[in-house]
């Protein structure tokens, strides 16, 4: 029987906490530690609610230095590199993740999406796992391969399955990179085809399946029923190079295999939620400037989580013995 492996898009929850206007947390020395504090609360809540058997977190470390930036210099040009304080918090979040027994990976060449995609593929291939991607990023819909796979916006408590993607966008999850290749993505500075909107893009992909097939059959476009179809071939031909490039930029790599990328060789057993060291966690909280009361409350939750994890492990061992 397939079980879910939880793949956490960590950076999105870190930045959600960092930019939140509702909760600003300041250390005793005056540093803003909102990102670390918010992510720590998220991670404890997530682990406490799911108590996963298999889990992994991915962090973005490739801004302006990843392979997509070499393909298109303006990719994510609207972003800014983290300042020293935020960079410190990002590092502390990754360390906390590992201290709480969760495998955590980042890369200078690949984005968190590619890490999640590659690990998801290995989990399916080696462990017969379905995948729960913990994120609110629509682009990760590409990773939904089975009916049980889903995106979970944990803070918004919203789960989206392949059927929900089809209903919302009019395309299958595996067509999402083609869809973004046509409509573009302002968040990531992916241009797409100027003047081509979501309705036209979904209509084209329902008929042609993918951008390569579309460009092999441009003569059929005027027969489609979307507004502007008559001038579709001219528009698409004019922007073919950018459409193909946008598709490449939007495609999540799901088969990274490189000796310098540890995540590419991870096995399912390596995704097991491990024991954690409460003393090291408390030390990290102190180093990051969490006040005494905050540390006491956090460590109380950590101890409760450790006890629950221990009980789950005992039950699992008993069930396996009976089987």
Foldseek 3Di string as FASTA:
>chain_A
DAAEAEEEAQAVQLVCQVPDPPDWDAFPVGATLRSLVRSLVVVLVVCLVPVDQFYAYEYEDAVQQAPLCVVPVCFQVVDDDDDPRSVVSSVLSQVLCVQQQAHYFYDNHAGSLQLSLQLLVQCCVFPVYAYEYEDPDPLSLLSQDDQPHWYAPPVVRDIDGQVNCCVPQVDGSVASLLQCLAAPDVNGPQHHQPPQDSVNSSQLCVVQVGLVSCVVPLVCQCVTDDPPSVCVSVSCVVCVVSSVSSSVSSDHNHQDDDPVGVSNPDHRVSRGRDQHDLVVSLVSCVVSRPDPVRSVVSSVSSVVSNVVSVVVVVVVVVVVVVD
